[in-house]
Amino acid sequence: MLLTPEWAADWPAPAATPAAFAPLLALDPVPEFVLLGTGAAMAFADRALVEALEAQGVGIEAMDSRAAARAWGVLRGEGRWIAAALMPL
């Protein structure tokens, strides 16, 4: 699932590539950072993905999807302009 403060969209067979994040990078303004939920277990984001997002001024924080969902609630509660890309458990 792709999630922003304004919409949620299905993210079928997600791939952690820069192209997969195009809908989030098209936001105006772009999010402060993206919470990447990597499924049931934590995994690191690919370096090329991190560099591509950072080149557009967007940070990325990878964590398991449960932790990303919890972080989403806390950060949105603070009014932060973030996005999330959550892989299934």
C-alpha atoms as a PDB file:
ATOM      1  CA  MET A   1       0.000   0.000   0.000  1.00  0.00           C
ATOM      2  CA  LEU A   2       1.137   3.534  -0.755  1.00  0.00           C
ATOM      3  CA  LEU A   3      -0.107   6.008   1.818  1.00  0.00           C
ATOM      4  CA  THR A   4      -0.057   9.803   1.973  1.00  0.00           C
ATOM      5  CA  PRO A   5      -1.940  12.249   4.170  1.00  0.00           C
ATOM      6  CA  GLU A   6      -4.395  12.690   1.265  1.00  0.00           C
ATOM      7  CA  TRP A   7      -4.827   9.230  -0.298  1.00  0.00           C
ATOM      8  CA  ALA A   8      -4.058   5.526  -0.119  1.00  0.00           C
ATOM      9  CA  ALA A   9      -3.446   3.282  -3.110  1.00  0.00           C
ATOM     10  CA  ASP A  10      -2.858  -0.387  -3.707  1.00  0.00           C
ATOM     11  CA  TRP A  11       0.798  -1.234  -4.369  1.00  0.00           C
ATOM     12  CA  PRO A  12       0.642  -4.668  -6.032  1.00  0.00           C
ATOM     13  CA  ALA A  13       3.821  -6.753  -6.026  1.00  0.00           C
ATOM     14  CA  PRO A  14       5.880  -3.884  -4.685  1.00  0.00           C
ATOM     15  CA  ALA A  15       9.410  -3.390  -5.815  1.00  0.00           C
ATOM     16  CA  ALA A  16      11.703  -1.098  -3.894  1.00  0.00           C
ATOM     17  CA  THR A  17      12.922   0.751  -6.988  1.00  0.00           C
ATOM     18  CA  PRO A  18      12.853   4.483  -7.697  1.00  0.00           C
ATOM     19  CA  ALA A  19      10.125   3.970 -10.335  1.00  0.00           C
ATOM     20  CA  ALA A  20       7.863   2.308  -7.747  1.00  0.00           C
ATOM     21  CA  PHE A  21       7.967   5.513  -5.701  1.00  0.00           C
ATOM     22  CA  ALA A  22       6.979   7.842  -8.576  1.00  0.00           C
ATOM     23  CA  PRO A  23       3.462   8.527  -7.187  1.00  0.00           C
ATOM     24  CA  LEU A  24       4.974   9.684  -3.899  1.00  0.00           C
ATOM     25  CA  LEU A  25       7.599  11.830  -5.600  1.00  0.00           C
ATOM     26  CA  ALA A  26       4.874  13.498  -7.676  1.00  0.00           C
ATOM     27  CA  LEU A  27       3.318  15.003  -4.539  1.00  0.00           C
ATOM     28  CA  ASP A  28       3.461  18.763  -4.148  1.00  0.00           C
ATOM     29  CA  PRO A  29       5.162  19.304  -1.826  1.00  0.00           C
ATOM     30  CA  VAL A  30       7.182  16.101  -1.745  1.00  0.00           C
ATOM     31  CA  PRO A  31       7.049  14.295   1.600  1.00  0.00           C
ATOM     32  CA  GLU A  32       9.689  14.963   4.249  1.00  0.00           C
ATOM     33  CA  PHE A  33      10.487  11.271   4.064  1.00  0.00           C
ATOM     34  CA  VAL A  34       8.991   7.890   3.200  1.00  0.00           C
ATOM     35  CA  LEU A  35       8.405   5.157   5.743  1.00  0.00           C
ATOM     36  CA  LEU A  36       9.274   1.924   3.926  1.00  0.00           C
ATOM     37  CA  GLY A  37       7.534  -1.039   5.544  1.00  0.00           C
ATOM     38  CA  THR A  38       9.510  -4.072   4.413  1.00  0.00           C
ATOM     39  CA  GLY A  39       6.970  -6.740   5.380  1.00  0.00           C
ATOM     40  CA  ALA A  40       7.150  -9.059   8.380  1.00  0.00           C
ATOM     41  CA  ALA A  41      10.882  -8.521   8.893  1.00  0.00           C
ATOM     42  CA  MET A  42      13.077  -5.455   8.749  1.00  0.00           C
ATOM     43  CA  ALA A  43      15.243  -5.120   5.655  1.00  0.00           C
ATOM     44  CA  PHE A  44      17.448  -2.299   4.484  1.00  0.00           C
ATOM     45  CA  ALA A  45      16.461  -0.178   1.499  1.00  0.00           C
ATOM     46  CA  ASP A  46      18.638  -0.602  -1.570  1.00  0.00           C
ATOM     47  CA  ARG A  47      21.379   2.052  -1.714  1.00  0.00           C
ATOM     48  CA  ALA A  48      20.316   3.105  -5.238  1.00  0.00           C
ATOM     49  CA  LEU A  49      16.776   3.734  -3.962  1.00  0.00           C
ATOM     50  CA  VAL A  50      18.016   5.768  -1.004  1.00  0.00           C
ATOM     51  CA  GLU A  51      20.231   7.868  -3.282  1.00  0.00           C
ATOM     52  CA  ALA A  52      17.437   8.408  -5.841  1.00  0.00           C
ATOM     53  CA  LEU A  53      15.002   9.606  -3.182  1.00  0.00           C
ATOM     54  CA  GLU A  54      17.583  11.770  -1.438  1.00  0.00           C
ATOM     55  CA  ALA A  55      18.450  13.391  -4.774  1.00  0.00           C
ATOM     56  CA  GLN A  56      14.837  14.624  -4.845  1.00  0.00           C
ATOM     57  CA  GLY A  57      14.983  15.851  -1.254  1.00  0.00           C
ATOM     58  CA  VAL A  58      13.096  12.903   0.242  1.00  0.00           C
ATOM     59  CA  GLY A  59      14.503  10.752   3.021  1.00  0.00           C
ATOM     60  CA  ILE A  60      13.604   7.111   3.550  1.00  0.00           C
ATOM     61  CA  GLU A  61      13.317   5.094   6.756  1.00  0.00           C
ATOM     62  CA  ALA A  62      13.072   1.317   6.404  1.00  0.00           C
ATOM     63  CA  MET A  63      11.494  -0.853   9.090  1.00  0.00           C
ATOM     64  CA  ASP A  64       9.139  -3.811   9.274  1.00  0.00           C
ATOM     65  CA  SER A  65       5.604  -2.943   8.153  1.00  0.00           C
ATOM     66  CA  ARG A  66       4.114  -3.134  11.665  1.00  0.00           C
ATOM     67  CA  ALA A  67       6.639  -0.610  12.968  1.00  0.00           C
ATOM     68  CA  ALA A  68       6.076   1.592   9.911  1.00  0.00           C
ATOM     69  CA  ALA A  69       2.320   1.619  10.558  1.00  0.00           C
ATOM     70  CA  ARG A  70       2.889   2.605  14.192  1.00  0.00           C
ATOM     71  CA  ALA A  71       5.365   5.318  13.171  1.00  0.00           C
ATOM     72  CA  TRP A  72       2.839   6.605  10.614  1.00  0.00           C
ATOM     73  CA  GLY A  73       0.257   7.150  13.344  1.00  0.00           C
ATOM     74  CA  VAL A  74       2.681   8.948  15.639  1.00  0.00           C
ATOM     75  CA  LEU A  75       4.195  11.166  12.945  1.00  0.00           C
ATOM     76  CA  ARG A  76       0.864  12.071  11.369  1.00  0.00           C
ATOM     77  CA  GLY A  77      -0.419  12.865  14.853  1.00  0.00           C
ATOM     78  CA  GLU A  78       2.375  15.438  14.972  1.00  0.00           C
ATOM     79  CA  GLY A  79       1.169  16.861  11.640  1.00  0.00           C
ATOM     80  CA  ARG A  80       4.252  15.731   9.705  1.00  0.00           C
ATOM     81  CA  TRP A  81       4.007  15.626   5.879  1.00  0.00           C
ATOM     82  CA  ILE A  82       5.193  12.062   5.229  1.00  0.00           C
ATOM     83  CA  ALA A  83       4.371   9.140   2.988  1.00  0.00           C
ATOM     84  CA  ALA A  84       4.527   5.386   3.480  1.00  0.00           C
ATOM     85  CA  ALA A  85       5.167   2.436   1.211  1.00  0.00           C
ATOM     86  CA  LEU A  86       4.044  -0.696   3.051  1.00  0.00           C
ATOM     87  CA  MET A  87       4.746  -4.230   1.862  1.00  0.00           C
ATOM     88  CA  PRO A  88       2.392  -6.986   3.035  1.00  0.00           C
ATOM     89  CA  LEU A  89       3.205  -9.084   6.092  1.00  0.00           C
END
